[in-house]
Amino acid sequence: MRTPKFSVAALRSFFNKHSTGTMRQLKDALGTSVDMTVFRKLRQLSYHTSYSHQGKYYTLDELADFDSSGLWQCDGARFSKQGPC
């Protein structure tokens, strides 16, 4: 089995500083140019994709403060507990 080159800790560190991030920001945090690498690492964490801004923003489940309707907004990006529409 190969040793992981990209650490999920790098994403967690990014999200410790920022509540949301774009794919570009997450790729920079991991040091990769490949979207699938980011998705593999996000899958290890519980994450949500925004339903606004064409799904451009990502956040961790533990950071989202969903209201009673299951919705959360941060910096203009909107998230649903049920996932993107």
C-alpha atoms as a PDB file:
ATOM      1  CA  MET A   1       0.000   0.000   0.000  1.00  0.00           C
ATOM      2  CA  ARG A   2       1.273   3.442  -0.935  1.00  0.00           C
ATOM      3  CA  THR A   3       2.004   6.056   1.692  1.00  0.00           C
ATOM      4  CA  PRO A   4      -0.444   8.962   1.347  1.00  0.00           C
ATOM      5  CA  LYS A   5       1.274  11.960  -0.201  1.00  0.00           C
ATOM      6  CA  PHE A   6      -1.459  14.426   0.722  1.00  0.00           C
ATOM      7  CA  SER A   7      -2.591  14.731   4.301  1.00  0.00           C
ATOM      8  CA  VAL A   8      -6.169  15.268   5.398  1.00  0.00           C
ATOM      9  CA  ALA A   9      -4.628  17.315   8.227  1.00  0.00           C
ATOM     10  CA  ALA A  10      -3.812  20.037   5.684  1.00  0.00           C
ATOM     11  CA  LEU A  11      -7.518  20.398   4.879  1.00  0.00           C
ATOM     12  CA  ARG A  12      -8.453  20.378   8.549  1.00  0.00           C
ATOM     13  CA  SER A  13      -5.875  23.116   9.148  1.00  0.00           C
ATOM     14  CA  PHE A  14      -7.375  25.184   6.318  1.00  0.00           C
ATOM     15  CA  PHE A  15     -10.866  24.816   7.767  1.00  0.00           C
ATOM     16  CA  ASN A  16      -9.603  25.755  11.234  1.00  0.00           C
ATOM     17  CA  LYS A  17      -8.853  29.187   9.751  1.00  0.00           C
ATOM     18  CA  HIS A  18     -11.728  29.476   7.242  1.00  0.00           C
ATOM     19  CA  SER A  19     -15.352  28.339   7.541  1.00  0.00           C
ATOM     20  CA  THR A  20     -15.704  27.798   3.790  1.00  0.00           C
ATOM     21  CA  GLY A  21     -13.384  27.332   0.853  1.00  0.00           C
ATOM     22  CA  THR A  22     -13.394  26.998  -2.921  1.00  0.00           C
ATOM     23  CA  MET A  23     -11.865  24.103  -4.829  1.00  0.00           C
ATOM     24  CA  ARG A  24      -8.931  26.347  -5.775  1.00  0.00           C
ATOM     25  CA  GLN A  25      -8.283  27.197  -2.113  1.00  0.00           C
ATOM     26  CA  LEU A  26      -8.537  23.558  -1.066  1.00  0.00           C
ATOM     27  CA  LYS A  27      -6.152  22.456  -3.824  1.00  0.00           C
ATOM     28  CA  ASP A  28      -3.680  25.106  -2.690  1.00  0.00           C
ATOM     29  CA  ALA A  29      -3.997  23.943   0.921  1.00  0.00           C
ATOM     30  CA  LEU A  30      -3.222  20.358  -0.111  1.00  0.00           C
ATOM     31  CA  GLY A  31      -0.548  21.297  -2.628  1.00  0.00           C
ATOM     32  CA  THR A  32      -2.223  19.560  -5.569  1.00  0.00           C
ATOM     33  CA  SER A  33      -3.679  20.580  -8.903  1.00  0.00           C
ATOM     34  CA  VAL A  34      -6.118  17.652  -9.073  1.00  0.00           C
ATOM     35  CA  ASP A  35      -9.779  17.990  -8.014  1.00  0.00           C
ATOM     36  CA  MET A  36     -10.130  14.265  -7.288  1.00  0.00           C
ATOM     37  CA  THR A  37      -7.368  14.435  -4.673  1.00  0.00           C
ATOM     38  CA  VAL A  38      -9.359  17.095  -2.827  1.00  0.00           C
ATOM     39  CA  PHE A  39     -12.560  15.034  -3.070  1.00  0.00           C
ATOM     40  CA  ARG A  40     -10.780  11.960  -1.689  1.00  0.00           C
ATOM     41  CA  LYS A  41      -9.574  13.951   1.314  1.00  0.00           C
ATOM     42  CA  LEU A  42     -12.926  15.711   1.827  1.00  0.00           C
ATOM     43  CA  ARG A  43     -14.614  12.307   1.842  1.00  0.00           C
ATOM     44  CA  GLN A  44     -12.541  11.393   4.907  1.00  0.00           C
ATOM     45  CA  LEU A  45     -14.115  14.383   6.636  1.00  0.00           C
ATOM     46  CA  SER A  46     -17.838  14.989   6.615  1.00  0.00           C
ATOM     47  CA  TYR A  47     -18.394  17.891   4.215  1.00  0.00           C
ATOM     48  CA  HIS A  48     -21.095  19.920   2.485  1.00  0.00           C
ATOM     49  CA  THR A  49     -21.189  21.687  -0.870  1.00  0.00           C
ATOM     50  CA  SER A  50     -23.013  24.993  -1.253  1.00  0.00           C
ATOM     51  CA  TYR A  51     -26.302  25.050  -3.118  1.00  0.00           C
ATOM     52  CA  SER A  52     -25.657  28.658  -4.095  1.00  0.00           C
ATOM     53  CA  HIS A  53     -22.800  29.874  -6.289  1.00  0.00           C
ATOM     54  CA  GLN A  54     -23.082  26.739  -8.461  1.00  0.00           C
ATOM     55  CA  GLY A  55     -21.674  24.533  -5.681  1.00  0.00           C
ATOM     56  CA  LYS A  56     -18.442  26.517  -5.579  1.00  0.00           C
ATOM     57  CA  TYR A  57     -18.016  26.453  -1.784  1.00  0.00           C
ATOM     58  CA  TYR A  58     -17.221  23.615   0.608  1.00  0.00           C
ATOM     59  CA  THR A  59     -17.412  23.385   4.389  1.00  0.00           C
ATOM     60  CA  LEU A  60     -17.119  20.713   7.042  1.00  0.00           C
ATOM     61  CA  ASP A  61     -20.191  19.351   8.766  1.00  0.00           C
ATOM     62  CA  GLU A  62     -18.706  20.225  12.145  1.00  0.00           C
ATOM     63  CA  LEU A  63     -18.398  23.909  11.159  1.00  0.00           C
ATOM     64  CA  ALA A  64     -21.874  24.388   9.715  1.00  0.00           C
ATOM     65  CA  ASP A  65     -24.406  25.787  12.163  1.00  0.00           C
ATOM     66  CA  PHE A  66     -27.635  24.698  10.498  1.00  0.00           C
ATOM     67  CA  ASP A  67     -30.886  26.305  11.632  1.00  0.00           C
ATOM     68  CA  SER A  68     -34.100  24.402  12.377  1.00  0.00           C
ATOM     69  CA  SER A  69     -34.846  24.293   8.636  1.00  0.00           C
ATOM     70  CA  GLY A  70     -31.488  22.657   7.914  1.00  0.00           C
ATOM     71  CA  LEU A  71     -30.028  25.756   6.238  1.00  0.00           C
ATOM     72  CA  TRP A  72     -26.837  27.707   6.934  1.00  0.00           C
ATOM     73  CA  GLN A  73     -25.269  30.768   5.326  1.00  0.00           C
ATOM     74  CA  CYS A  74     -21.663  31.865   5.605  1.00  0.00           C
ATOM     75  CA  ASP A  75     -20.049  34.743   3.712  1.00  0.00           C
ATOM     76  CA  GLY A  76     -22.890  34.716   1.189  1.00  0.00           C
ATOM     77  CA  ALA A  77     -22.610  30.977   0.446  1.00  0.00           C
ATOM     78  CA  ARG A  78     -25.681  28.935   1.353  1.00  0.00           C
ATOM     79  CA  PHE A  79     -25.636  25.332   2.511  1.00  0.00           C
ATOM     80  CA  SER A  80     -28.341  22.756   3.153  1.00  0.00           C
ATOM     81  CA  LYS A  81     -28.074  19.893   5.598  1.00  0.00           C
ATOM     82  CA  GLN A  82     -29.778  17.752   2.930  1.00  0.00           C
ATOM     83  CA  GLY A  83     -27.091  18.560   0.355  1.00  0.00           C
ATOM     84  CA  PRO A  84     -27.196  20.668  -2.809  1.00  0.00           C
ATOM     85  CA  CYS A  85     -30.493  20.916  -4.665  1.00  0.00           C
END
